[in-house]
N, C-alpha and C. Protein backbone atom coordinates (compact mmCIF):
# COMPACT_ATOMS: atom_id res chain seq x y z
N MET A 1 4.43 4.61 -76.30
CA MET A 1 3.77 3.33 -76.22
C MET A 1 2.82 3.27 -75.02
N LYS A 2 3.29 3.79 -73.85
CA LYS A 2 2.46 3.78 -72.64
C LYS A 2 1.20 4.60 -72.84
N ARG A 3 1.32 5.71 -73.59
CA ARG A 3 0.16 6.56 -73.83
C ARG A 3 -0.92 5.84 -74.63
N VAL A 4 -0.53 4.94 -75.50
CA VAL A 4 -1.49 4.18 -76.30
C VAL A 4 -2.09 3.04 -75.48
N LEU A 5 -1.29 2.36 -74.69
CA LEU A 5 -1.76 1.21 -73.92
C LEU A 5 -2.71 1.59 -72.78
N PHE A 6 -2.47 2.73 -72.16
CA PHE A 6 -3.28 3.12 -71.01
C PHE A 6 -4.77 3.29 -71.38
N PRO A 7 -5.12 4.03 -72.45
CA PRO A 7 -6.54 4.13 -72.83
C PRO A 7 -7.15 2.78 -73.22
N ILE A 8 -6.36 1.93 -73.86
CA ILE A 8 -6.87 0.61 -74.24
C ILE A 8 -7.15 -0.21 -72.99
N LEU A 9 -6.24 -0.15 -72.01
CA LEU A 9 -6.42 -0.85 -70.74
C LEU A 9 -7.68 -0.36 -70.03
N LEU A 10 -7.91 0.96 -70.03
CA LEU A 10 -9.12 1.53 -69.40
C LEU A 10 -10.39 1.02 -70.09
N LEU A 11 -10.37 0.95 -71.42
CA LEU A 11 -11.53 0.45 -72.16
C LEU A 11 -11.80 -1.01 -71.84
N VAL A 12 -10.76 -1.83 -71.75
CA VAL A 12 -10.91 -3.25 -71.44
C VAL A 12 -11.47 -3.42 -70.03
N LEU A 13 -10.92 -2.68 -69.08
CA LEU A 13 -11.41 -2.76 -67.70
C LEU A 13 -12.85 -2.29 -67.60
N GLY A 14 -13.18 -1.21 -68.33
CA GLY A 14 -14.57 -0.72 -68.33
C GLY A 14 -15.52 -1.74 -68.90
N ALA A 15 -15.12 -2.40 -69.99
CA ALA A 15 -15.96 -3.43 -70.61
C ALA A 15 -16.15 -4.61 -69.66
N CYS A 16 -15.08 -4.97 -68.94
CA CYS A 16 -15.18 -6.06 -67.96
C CYS A 16 -16.16 -5.69 -66.85
N GLY A 17 -16.09 -4.43 -66.41
CA GLY A 17 -17.01 -3.96 -65.36
C GLY A 17 -18.45 -4.00 -65.83
N ILE A 18 -18.70 -3.61 -67.07
CA ILE A 18 -20.06 -3.63 -67.62
C ILE A 18 -20.55 -5.07 -67.73
N ASN A 19 -19.69 -5.97 -68.22
CA ASN A 19 -20.07 -7.37 -68.34
C ASN A 19 -20.39 -7.98 -66.99
N GLN A 20 -19.57 -7.62 -65.99
CA GLN A 20 -19.80 -8.14 -64.64
C GLN A 20 -21.15 -7.65 -64.09
N GLN A 21 -21.44 -6.36 -64.29
CA GLN A 21 -22.72 -5.82 -63.84
C GLN A 21 -23.88 -6.47 -64.57
N ALA A 22 -23.73 -6.67 -65.88
CA ALA A 22 -24.79 -7.31 -66.67
C ALA A 22 -25.04 -8.73 -66.17
N LYS A 23 -23.98 -9.45 -65.82
CA LYS A 23 -24.10 -10.81 -65.30
C LYS A 23 -24.83 -10.80 -63.95
N GLN A 24 -24.51 -9.82 -63.11
CA GLN A 24 -25.15 -9.71 -61.80
C GLN A 24 -26.64 -9.37 -61.95
N ILE A 25 -26.97 -8.51 -62.90
CA ILE A 25 -28.38 -8.16 -63.13
C ILE A 25 -29.13 -9.36 -63.69
N LYS A 26 -28.47 -10.12 -64.58
CA LYS A 26 -29.09 -11.34 -65.13
C LYS A 26 -29.42 -12.31 -64.00
N ALA A 27 -28.51 -12.45 -63.04
CA ALA A 27 -28.77 -13.31 -61.87
C ALA A 27 -29.90 -12.73 -61.03
N LEU A 28 -29.98 -11.40 -60.96
CA LEU A 28 -31.04 -10.74 -60.20
C LEU A 28 -32.41 -11.04 -60.80
N GLU A 29 -32.48 -11.11 -62.13
CA GLU A 29 -33.74 -11.45 -62.80
C GLU A 29 -34.25 -12.82 -62.39
N ALA A 30 -33.33 -13.72 -62.06
CA ALA A 30 -33.71 -15.08 -61.68
C ALA A 30 -34.03 -15.19 -60.18
N CYS A 31 -33.81 -14.11 -59.44
CA CYS A 31 -34.05 -14.14 -57.99
C CYS A 31 -35.55 -14.18 -57.68
N LYS A 32 -35.85 -14.65 -56.47
CA LYS A 32 -37.22 -14.66 -55.98
C LYS A 32 -37.38 -13.42 -55.10
N PHE A 33 -38.41 -12.63 -55.39
CA PHE A 33 -38.69 -11.42 -54.63
C PHE A 33 -39.96 -11.61 -53.83
N GLU A 34 -39.94 -11.17 -52.59
CA GLU A 34 -41.17 -11.19 -51.80
C GLU A 34 -41.17 -10.03 -50.82
N VAL A 35 -42.37 -9.58 -50.50
CA VAL A 35 -42.52 -8.53 -49.50
C VAL A 35 -42.53 -9.22 -48.15
N GLN A 36 -41.48 -9.00 -47.37
CA GLN A 36 -41.39 -9.65 -46.07
C GLN A 36 -42.33 -9.00 -45.07
N ARG A 37 -42.33 -7.67 -45.04
CA ARG A 37 -43.24 -6.95 -44.17
C ARG A 37 -43.28 -5.49 -44.58
N VAL A 38 -44.24 -4.79 -44.04
CA VAL A 38 -44.38 -3.35 -44.26
C VAL A 38 -44.51 -2.73 -42.88
N ASP A 39 -43.80 -1.64 -42.64
CA ASP A 39 -43.97 -0.98 -41.34
C ASP A 39 -43.88 0.53 -41.48
N SER A 40 -44.20 1.21 -40.38
CA SER A 40 -44.17 2.68 -40.31
C SER A 40 -45.00 3.30 -41.43
N VAL A 41 -46.23 2.79 -41.63
CA VAL A 41 -47.09 3.28 -42.70
C VAL A 41 -47.99 4.39 -42.16
N PHE A 42 -47.87 5.56 -42.76
CA PHE A 42 -48.67 6.72 -42.36
C PHE A 42 -49.35 7.30 -43.58
N LEU A 43 -50.65 7.52 -43.47
CA LEU A 43 -51.44 8.13 -44.54
C LEU A 43 -51.90 9.49 -44.04
N ALA A 44 -51.36 10.55 -44.62
CA ALA A 44 -51.67 11.92 -44.20
C ALA A 44 -51.49 12.08 -42.69
N GLY A 45 -50.44 11.47 -42.16
CA GLY A 45 -50.12 11.59 -40.74
C GLY A 45 -50.80 10.57 -39.84
N ALA A 46 -51.79 9.83 -40.35
CA ALA A 46 -52.51 8.82 -39.55
C ALA A 46 -51.76 7.49 -39.63
N ASP A 47 -51.60 6.83 -38.49
CA ASP A 47 -50.89 5.56 -38.40
C ASP A 47 -51.79 4.43 -38.92
N VAL A 48 -51.52 3.96 -40.13
CA VAL A 48 -52.33 2.92 -40.77
C VAL A 48 -52.21 1.60 -40.01
N MET A 49 -51.02 1.31 -39.49
CA MET A 49 -50.81 0.04 -38.78
C MET A 49 -51.72 -0.04 -37.55
N LYS A 50 -51.86 1.06 -36.81
CA LYS A 50 -52.73 1.06 -35.63
C LYS A 50 -54.19 0.84 -36.03
N MET A 51 -54.58 1.45 -37.17
CA MET A 51 -55.96 1.27 -37.63
C MET A 51 -56.21 -0.19 -38.01
N VAL A 52 -55.24 -0.80 -38.68
CA VAL A 52 -55.40 -2.21 -39.08
C VAL A 52 -55.47 -3.09 -37.84
N GLN A 53 -54.62 -2.82 -36.85
CA GLN A 53 -54.63 -3.62 -35.62
C GLN A 53 -55.93 -3.47 -34.85
N SER A 54 -56.48 -2.26 -34.83
CA SER A 54 -57.74 -2.04 -34.11
C SER A 54 -58.94 -2.52 -34.91
N GLY A 55 -58.78 -2.62 -36.24
CA GLY A 55 -59.87 -3.08 -37.10
C GLY A 55 -60.92 -2.02 -37.37
N ARG A 56 -60.56 -0.76 -37.15
CA ARG A 56 -61.54 0.30 -37.47
C ARG A 56 -60.83 1.54 -37.99
N VAL A 57 -61.52 2.20 -38.89
CA VAL A 57 -61.02 3.44 -39.44
C VAL A 57 -61.53 4.56 -38.55
N ASP A 58 -60.62 5.21 -37.84
CA ASP A 58 -60.99 6.29 -36.93
C ASP A 58 -60.98 7.59 -37.71
N THR A 59 -62.17 8.13 -37.95
CA THR A 59 -62.27 9.34 -38.77
C THR A 59 -61.59 10.54 -38.13
N ARG A 60 -61.41 10.52 -36.81
CA ARG A 60 -60.71 11.63 -36.15
C ARG A 60 -59.27 11.70 -36.60
N ASN A 61 -58.69 10.55 -36.92
CA ASN A 61 -57.29 10.52 -37.36
C ASN A 61 -57.13 10.78 -38.85
N LEU A 62 -58.23 10.86 -39.57
CA LEU A 62 -58.15 11.03 -41.02
C LEU A 62 -58.47 12.44 -41.48
N GLY A 63 -58.38 13.40 -40.55
CA GLY A 63 -58.59 14.80 -40.93
C GLY A 63 -57.60 15.24 -41.98
N GLY A 64 -56.38 14.70 -41.92
CA GLY A 64 -55.36 15.04 -42.92
C GLY A 64 -55.74 14.56 -44.30
N VAL A 65 -56.50 13.45 -44.39
CA VAL A 65 -56.93 12.95 -45.69
C VAL A 65 -57.96 13.91 -46.29
N ALA A 66 -58.89 14.39 -45.44
CA ALA A 66 -59.90 15.34 -45.92
C ALA A 66 -59.24 16.63 -46.42
N MET A 67 -58.28 17.13 -45.65
CA MET A 67 -57.55 18.34 -46.08
C MET A 67 -56.74 18.06 -47.34
N GLY A 68 -56.17 16.86 -47.41
CA GLY A 68 -55.39 16.48 -48.58
C GLY A 68 -56.24 16.41 -49.83
N MET A 69 -57.50 15.97 -49.68
CA MET A 69 -58.41 15.93 -50.84
C MET A 69 -58.62 17.34 -51.38
N LEU A 70 -58.72 18.31 -50.50
CA LEU A 70 -58.90 19.69 -50.95
C LEU A 70 -57.64 20.22 -51.64
N ARG A 71 -56.48 19.84 -51.13
CA ARG A 71 -55.21 20.30 -51.70
C ARG A 71 -54.71 19.40 -52.83
N LYS A 72 -55.38 18.27 -53.03
CA LYS A 72 -54.97 17.26 -54.02
C LYS A 72 -53.57 16.72 -53.70
N GLU A 73 -53.32 16.55 -52.40
CA GLU A 73 -52.03 16.02 -51.96
C GLU A 73 -52.25 15.22 -50.67
N ILE A 74 -52.17 13.90 -50.80
CA ILE A 74 -52.32 13.00 -49.65
C ILE A 74 -51.05 12.17 -49.54
N PRO A 75 -50.19 12.51 -48.57
CA PRO A 75 -48.92 11.80 -48.45
C PRO A 75 -49.08 10.41 -47.84
N LEU A 76 -48.38 9.46 -48.44
CA LEU A 76 -48.27 8.10 -47.92
C LEU A 76 -46.80 7.84 -47.68
N LYS A 77 -46.46 7.48 -46.44
CA LYS A 77 -45.07 7.18 -46.10
C LYS A 77 -45.02 5.81 -45.45
N GLY A 78 -43.96 5.10 -45.68
CA GLY A 78 -43.80 3.78 -45.08
C GLY A 78 -42.51 3.13 -45.51
N ILE A 79 -42.27 1.95 -44.96
CA ILE A 79 -41.08 1.18 -45.32
C ILE A 79 -41.53 -0.22 -45.74
N LEU A 80 -41.18 -0.59 -46.95
CA LEU A 80 -41.48 -1.91 -47.48
C LEU A 80 -40.18 -2.71 -47.42
N HIS A 81 -40.20 -3.84 -46.74
CA HIS A 81 -39.00 -4.68 -46.61
C HIS A 81 -39.07 -5.77 -47.68
N LEU A 82 -38.21 -5.63 -48.68
CA LEU A 82 -38.20 -6.51 -49.84
C LEU A 82 -37.14 -7.59 -49.65
N LYS A 83 -37.57 -8.85 -49.61
CA LYS A 83 -36.64 -9.97 -49.46
C LYS A 83 -36.27 -10.50 -50.83
N ILE A 84 -34.97 -10.58 -51.09
CA ILE A 84 -34.46 -11.07 -52.37
C ILE A 84 -33.68 -12.35 -52.10
N THR A 85 -34.10 -13.45 -52.73
CA THR A 85 -33.43 -14.74 -52.57
C THR A 85 -32.79 -15.12 -53.89
N ASN A 86 -31.51 -15.44 -53.86
CA ASN A 86 -30.76 -15.75 -55.07
C ASN A 86 -30.58 -17.27 -55.20
N PRO A 87 -31.34 -17.93 -56.10
CA PRO A 87 -31.21 -19.38 -56.27
C PRO A 87 -30.10 -19.78 -57.26
N THR A 88 -29.45 -18.78 -57.86
CA THR A 88 -28.45 -19.08 -58.90
C THR A 88 -27.08 -19.37 -58.28
N ASN A 89 -26.15 -19.70 -59.14
CA ASN A 89 -24.76 -19.93 -58.72
C ASN A 89 -23.90 -18.69 -58.91
N ASN A 90 -24.54 -17.58 -59.30
CA ASN A 90 -23.81 -16.33 -59.56
C ASN A 90 -24.24 -15.25 -58.57
N LEU A 91 -23.34 -14.30 -58.34
CA LEU A 91 -23.66 -13.15 -57.52
C LEU A 91 -24.73 -12.32 -58.22
N ALA A 92 -25.77 -11.94 -57.51
CA ALA A 92 -26.81 -11.06 -58.06
C ALA A 92 -26.62 -9.69 -57.43
N GLY A 93 -26.69 -8.65 -58.24
CA GLY A 93 -26.48 -7.33 -57.65
C GLY A 93 -26.84 -6.19 -58.57
N ILE A 94 -27.04 -5.04 -57.94
CA ILE A 94 -27.29 -3.79 -58.66
C ILE A 94 -26.71 -2.65 -57.82
N ASN A 95 -26.40 -1.55 -58.49
CA ASN A 95 -25.87 -0.38 -57.80
C ASN A 95 -26.99 0.47 -57.23
N GLN A 96 -28.04 0.63 -57.98
CA GLN A 96 -29.23 1.34 -57.53
C GLN A 96 -30.38 0.90 -58.43
N PHE A 97 -31.62 1.19 -58.02
CA PHE A 97 -32.74 0.83 -58.88
C PHE A 97 -33.91 1.77 -58.68
N GLN A 98 -34.65 1.94 -59.75
CA GLN A 98 -35.93 2.65 -59.69
C GLN A 98 -36.98 1.62 -59.32
N TYR A 99 -38.05 2.08 -58.67
CA TYR A 99 -39.14 1.15 -58.39
C TYR A 99 -40.48 1.82 -58.67
N GLN A 100 -41.44 0.98 -58.96
CA GLN A 100 -42.85 1.39 -59.07
C GLN A 100 -43.66 0.41 -58.26
N LEU A 101 -44.58 0.92 -57.46
CA LEU A 101 -45.53 0.09 -56.72
C LEU A 101 -46.90 0.36 -57.30
N LEU A 102 -47.60 -0.71 -57.67
CA LEU A 102 -48.95 -0.58 -58.20
C LEU A 102 -49.89 -1.42 -57.35
N MET A 103 -51.05 -0.85 -57.01
CA MET A 103 -52.07 -1.58 -56.26
C MET A 103 -53.26 -1.74 -57.19
N GLN A 104 -53.60 -3.00 -57.46
CA GLN A 104 -54.69 -3.30 -58.41
C GLN A 104 -54.46 -2.57 -59.73
N ASP A 105 -53.23 -2.58 -60.22
CA ASP A 105 -52.82 -1.97 -61.49
C ASP A 105 -52.90 -0.45 -61.50
N LYS A 106 -53.05 0.18 -60.33
CA LYS A 106 -53.04 1.65 -60.24
C LYS A 106 -51.78 2.06 -59.50
N GLU A 107 -51.06 3.03 -60.08
CA GLU A 107 -49.78 3.43 -59.50
C GLU A 107 -49.96 3.99 -58.09
N LEU A 108 -49.19 3.43 -57.18
CA LEU A 108 -49.24 3.84 -55.78
C LEU A 108 -48.04 4.72 -55.45
N ALA A 109 -46.86 4.31 -55.84
CA ALA A 109 -45.65 5.07 -55.51
C ALA A 109 -44.54 4.74 -56.50
N THR A 110 -43.63 5.69 -56.67
CA THR A 110 -42.43 5.49 -57.47
C THR A 110 -41.26 6.11 -56.71
N GLY A 111 -40.08 5.65 -57.00
CA GLY A 111 -38.91 6.23 -56.35
C GLY A 111 -37.64 5.54 -56.78
N ILE A 112 -36.55 5.91 -56.12
CA ILE A 112 -35.23 5.35 -56.41
C ILE A 112 -34.62 4.87 -55.10
N VAL A 113 -34.06 3.67 -55.13
CA VAL A 113 -33.27 3.17 -54.00
C VAL A 113 -31.82 3.29 -54.43
N ASN A 114 -31.13 4.24 -53.82
CA ASN A 114 -29.74 4.52 -54.18
C ASN A 114 -28.83 3.79 -53.21
N GLN A 115 -28.84 2.46 -53.34
CA GLN A 115 -28.09 1.61 -52.42
C GLN A 115 -27.60 0.40 -53.20
N GLN A 116 -26.34 0.07 -53.03
CA GLN A 116 -25.81 -1.11 -53.71
C GLN A 116 -26.37 -2.36 -53.03
N VAL A 117 -26.88 -3.26 -53.85
CA VAL A 117 -27.48 -4.50 -53.34
C VAL A 117 -26.72 -5.67 -53.96
N LYS A 118 -26.19 -6.54 -53.12
CA LYS A 118 -25.47 -7.73 -53.57
C LYS A 118 -26.04 -8.93 -52.82
N VAL A 119 -26.47 -9.95 -53.56
CA VAL A 119 -27.02 -11.17 -52.95
C VAL A 119 -26.16 -12.35 -53.43
N ASN A 120 -25.48 -12.97 -52.49
CA ASN A 120 -24.61 -14.10 -52.82
C ASN A 120 -25.42 -15.31 -53.27
N PRO A 121 -24.82 -16.21 -54.04
CA PRO A 121 -25.53 -17.42 -54.49
C PRO A 121 -26.10 -18.20 -53.31
N GLY A 122 -27.35 -18.61 -53.43
CA GLY A 122 -28.00 -19.41 -52.40
C GLY A 122 -28.37 -18.67 -51.13
N GLU A 123 -28.22 -17.34 -51.11
CA GLU A 123 -28.53 -16.56 -49.92
C GLU A 123 -29.68 -15.60 -50.16
N SER A 124 -30.13 -14.97 -49.07
CA SER A 124 -31.21 -13.98 -49.13
C SER A 124 -30.74 -12.69 -48.48
N LEU A 125 -31.36 -11.61 -48.88
CA LEU A 125 -31.07 -10.30 -48.33
C LEU A 125 -32.37 -9.51 -48.26
N VAL A 126 -32.57 -8.77 -47.18
CA VAL A 126 -33.75 -7.92 -47.05
C VAL A 126 -33.33 -6.47 -47.29
N VAL A 127 -34.00 -5.82 -48.23
CA VAL A 127 -33.68 -4.44 -48.60
C VAL A 127 -34.85 -3.55 -48.20
N PRO A 128 -34.62 -2.55 -47.34
CA PRO A 128 -35.70 -1.62 -47.01
C PRO A 128 -35.92 -0.62 -48.14
N VAL A 129 -37.16 -0.48 -48.56
CA VAL A 129 -37.53 0.47 -49.61
C VAL A 129 -38.42 1.53 -48.96
N ASN A 130 -37.91 2.76 -48.90
CA ASN A 130 -38.69 3.85 -48.32
C ASN A 130 -39.72 4.34 -49.31
N ILE A 131 -40.97 4.40 -48.87
CA ILE A 131 -42.06 4.86 -49.71
C ILE A 131 -42.44 6.26 -49.27
N ASP A 132 -42.50 7.17 -50.21
CA ASP A 132 -42.92 8.54 -49.95
C ASP A 132 -43.67 9.00 -51.20
N ALA A 133 -44.99 8.97 -51.13
CA ALA A 133 -45.77 9.21 -52.34
C ALA A 133 -47.00 10.06 -52.05
N ASN A 134 -47.50 10.69 -53.10
CA ASN A 134 -48.77 11.39 -53.04
C ASN A 134 -49.81 10.45 -53.65
N VAL A 135 -50.77 9.98 -52.83
CA VAL A 135 -51.74 9.00 -53.30
C VAL A 135 -53.11 9.63 -53.56
N TYR A 136 -53.13 10.93 -53.78
CA TYR A 136 -54.41 11.61 -54.06
C TYR A 136 -55.12 10.96 -55.24
N GLY A 137 -54.39 10.74 -56.34
CA GLY A 137 -55.00 10.17 -57.55
C GLY A 137 -55.64 8.83 -57.28
N LEU A 138 -55.02 8.03 -56.43
CA LEU A 138 -55.55 6.72 -56.09
C LEU A 138 -56.79 6.83 -55.21
N LEU A 139 -56.73 7.69 -54.18
CA LEU A 139 -57.83 7.79 -53.22
C LEU A 139 -58.99 8.64 -53.71
N SER A 140 -58.78 9.41 -54.77
CA SER A 140 -59.90 10.21 -55.29
C SER A 140 -60.92 9.32 -56.01
N ASN A 141 -60.54 8.07 -56.29
CA ASN A 141 -61.46 7.09 -56.87
C ASN A 141 -62.26 6.48 -55.71
N GLY A 142 -63.56 6.72 -55.66
CA GLY A 142 -64.41 6.27 -54.56
C GLY A 142 -64.37 4.77 -54.34
N ALA A 143 -64.32 3.99 -55.41
CA ALA A 143 -64.30 2.53 -55.28
C ALA A 143 -63.00 2.07 -54.61
N VAL A 144 -61.88 2.70 -54.99
CA VAL A 144 -60.59 2.34 -54.40
C VAL A 144 -60.57 2.74 -52.93
N LEU A 145 -61.10 3.92 -52.62
CA LEU A 145 -61.15 4.38 -51.23
C LEU A 145 -61.97 3.42 -50.38
N GLN A 146 -63.11 2.94 -50.91
CA GLN A 146 -63.94 1.99 -50.16
C GLN A 146 -63.20 0.66 -49.98
N GLU A 147 -62.49 0.23 -51.00
CA GLU A 147 -61.73 -1.02 -50.90
C GLU A 147 -60.66 -0.91 -49.81
N ILE A 148 -59.98 0.23 -49.74
CA ILE A 148 -58.95 0.43 -48.72
C ILE A 148 -59.58 0.49 -47.33
N THR A 149 -60.72 1.16 -47.21
CA THR A 149 -61.43 1.23 -45.93
C THR A 149 -61.84 -0.16 -45.47
N ASP A 150 -62.37 -0.98 -46.38
CA ASP A 150 -62.76 -2.35 -46.04
C ASP A 150 -61.53 -3.18 -45.65
N PHE A 151 -60.43 -2.94 -46.36
CA PHE A 151 -59.18 -3.66 -46.08
C PHE A 151 -58.70 -3.35 -44.67
N ILE A 152 -58.68 -2.06 -44.31
CA ILE A 152 -58.21 -1.64 -42.98
C ILE A 152 -59.12 -2.15 -41.88
N SER A 153 -60.44 -2.02 -42.09
CA SER A 153 -61.38 -2.38 -41.04
C SER A 153 -61.59 -3.89 -40.92
N GLY A 154 -61.18 -4.64 -41.93
CA GLY A 154 -61.33 -6.09 -41.88
C GLY A 154 -62.76 -6.53 -42.13
N ASN A 155 -63.55 -5.71 -42.83
CA ASN A 155 -64.94 -6.07 -43.12
C ASN A 155 -65.01 -7.34 -43.96
N SER A 156 -64.01 -7.55 -44.77
CA SER A 156 -63.97 -8.76 -45.59
C SER A 156 -62.73 -9.55 -45.17
N LYS A 157 -62.95 -10.66 -44.46
CA LYS A 157 -61.83 -11.44 -43.92
C LYS A 157 -60.93 -12.02 -45.02
N ASP A 158 -61.53 -12.36 -46.16
CA ASP A 158 -60.76 -12.98 -47.24
C ASP A 158 -60.20 -11.96 -48.22
N GLN A 159 -60.38 -10.68 -47.94
CA GLN A 159 -59.99 -9.66 -48.90
C GLN A 159 -58.48 -9.62 -49.08
N GLU A 160 -58.09 -9.61 -50.33
CA GLU A 160 -56.68 -9.48 -50.70
C GLU A 160 -56.58 -8.37 -51.71
N SER A 161 -55.44 -7.71 -51.73
CA SER A 161 -55.15 -6.73 -52.77
C SER A 161 -53.90 -7.20 -53.49
N LEU A 162 -53.83 -6.90 -54.76
CA LEU A 162 -52.66 -7.29 -55.55
C LEU A 162 -51.69 -6.13 -55.62
N LEU A 163 -50.49 -6.34 -55.09
CA LEU A 163 -49.43 -5.35 -55.14
C LEU A 163 -48.44 -5.80 -56.20
N THR A 164 -48.19 -4.94 -57.17
CA THR A 164 -47.21 -5.22 -58.22
C THR A 164 -45.99 -4.36 -57.95
N ILE A 165 -44.84 -4.99 -57.95
CA ILE A 165 -43.59 -4.27 -57.74
C ILE A 165 -42.75 -4.39 -58.99
N LYS A 166 -42.29 -3.25 -59.49
CA LYS A 166 -41.44 -3.22 -60.67
C LYS A 166 -40.10 -2.59 -60.29
N LEU A 167 -39.03 -3.24 -60.70
CA LEU A 167 -37.68 -2.74 -60.44
C LEU A 167 -36.96 -2.51 -61.77
N LYS A 168 -36.27 -1.37 -61.86
CA LYS A 168 -35.44 -1.09 -63.04
C LYS A 168 -34.03 -0.78 -62.56
N PRO A 169 -33.11 -1.75 -62.68
CA PRO A 169 -31.73 -1.53 -62.23
C PRO A 169 -31.01 -0.52 -63.11
N THR A 170 -29.95 0.05 -62.56
CA THR A 170 -29.08 0.92 -63.35
C THR A 170 -27.69 0.31 -63.36
N ILE A 171 -27.00 0.52 -64.47
CA ILE A 171 -25.63 0.05 -64.63
C ILE A 171 -24.72 1.27 -64.56
N ALA A 172 -23.67 1.18 -63.77
CA ALA A 172 -22.72 2.28 -63.63
C ALA A 172 -21.57 2.09 -64.61
N ILE A 173 -21.33 3.13 -65.40
CA ILE A 173 -20.19 3.15 -66.31
C ILE A 173 -19.40 4.41 -65.97
N GLY A 174 -18.30 4.23 -65.28
CA GLY A 174 -17.55 5.39 -64.79
C GLY A 174 -18.42 6.13 -63.78
N ASN A 175 -18.62 7.41 -64.03
CA ASN A 175 -19.50 8.18 -63.15
C ASN A 175 -20.85 8.47 -63.81
N LYS A 176 -21.23 7.65 -64.78
CA LYS A 176 -22.53 7.75 -65.44
C LYS A 176 -23.34 6.50 -65.15
N THR A 177 -24.66 6.65 -65.17
CA THR A 177 -25.53 5.48 -64.99
C THR A 177 -26.43 5.33 -66.20
N ILE A 178 -26.68 4.08 -66.56
CA ILE A 178 -27.56 3.76 -67.68
C ILE A 178 -28.67 2.86 -67.15
N ASN A 179 -29.92 3.22 -67.48
CA ASN A 179 -31.06 2.41 -67.04
C ASN A 179 -31.12 1.09 -67.80
N TYR A 180 -31.40 0.05 -67.07
CA TYR A 180 -31.61 -1.28 -67.64
C TYR A 180 -32.81 -1.22 -68.57
N PRO A 181 -32.75 -1.86 -69.73
CA PRO A 181 -33.89 -1.80 -70.67
C PRO A 181 -35.02 -2.73 -70.23
N GLY A 182 -36.01 -2.18 -69.59
CA GLY A 182 -37.15 -2.99 -69.13
C GLY A 182 -37.20 -3.05 -67.62
N TRP A 183 -38.25 -3.69 -67.12
CA TRP A 183 -38.50 -3.79 -65.69
C TRP A 183 -38.48 -5.25 -65.25
N ILE A 184 -38.00 -5.49 -64.03
CA ILE A 184 -38.16 -6.79 -63.38
C ILE A 184 -39.44 -6.66 -62.57
N THR A 185 -40.44 -7.47 -62.88
CA THR A 185 -41.77 -7.30 -62.30
C THR A 185 -42.21 -8.54 -61.54
N PHE A 186 -42.83 -8.33 -60.38
CA PHE A 186 -43.44 -9.44 -59.66
C PHE A 186 -44.65 -8.96 -58.89
N ASP A 187 -45.58 -9.87 -58.67
CA ASP A 187 -46.83 -9.58 -57.98
C ASP A 187 -46.83 -10.22 -56.60
N LYS A 188 -47.53 -9.55 -55.68
CA LYS A 188 -47.66 -10.07 -54.32
C LYS A 188 -49.09 -9.84 -53.87
N LYS A 189 -49.75 -10.91 -53.40
CA LYS A 189 -51.07 -10.75 -52.82
C LYS A 189 -50.88 -10.23 -51.40
N VAL A 190 -51.52 -9.12 -51.10
CA VAL A 190 -51.36 -8.47 -49.81
C VAL A 190 -52.60 -8.70 -48.98
N THR A 191 -52.40 -9.20 -47.76
CA THR A 191 -53.49 -9.38 -46.81
C THR A 191 -53.23 -8.48 -45.61
N ARG A 192 -54.22 -8.36 -44.74
CA ARG A 192 -54.07 -7.52 -43.55
C ARG A 192 -52.92 -8.00 -42.67
N ASN A 193 -52.63 -9.30 -42.70
CA ASN A 193 -51.57 -9.87 -41.85
C ASN A 193 -50.21 -9.22 -42.13
N LEU A 194 -49.99 -8.74 -43.35
CA LEU A 194 -48.73 -8.13 -43.69
C LEU A 194 -48.50 -6.86 -42.87
N LEU A 195 -49.59 -6.21 -42.44
CA LEU A 195 -49.49 -4.96 -41.68
C LEU A 195 -49.64 -5.18 -40.18
N LEU A 196 -49.86 -6.42 -39.76
CA LEU A 196 -50.08 -6.68 -38.32
C LEU A 196 -48.78 -7.08 -37.63
């Protein structure tokens, strides 16, 4: 009798765990997401934050970009601090999530945040998202490169860029993970102040 009940008990507990995760992800969909700040941003080794603060693109610091163009590999590294606010009455949470960052609808970076995130009802949590991407494809477009140069130098005071963030949570079932069907997507208008 015990041999029959034990597998049934495991199935019931597993189903409860899946339902609980699904409920937490549903609450996560209702959360408000915003980019609180971005820091430690380096483009091919050049400190982007210093360039934004000085208001000029120093070509001496962008030698790595020129070399990267030849190699078709321009690394972008940084930390995006994502603030998640839970307005619901339920716990919002995920075990890990994939992300995509798009700038003006062009893919900037993708990756995985392998960190459990839990946001209690009525509270906020800031999650650091490490960015490590090759942005050669983005910067090889002359118009995009000029837009980024204008953005850094502050040539256009009112200039904004649209950053789209997509999150795809995963559900843990035992020691397996299943991707959530679809993306949680939100847009953020990015100004130079975010990097200052």
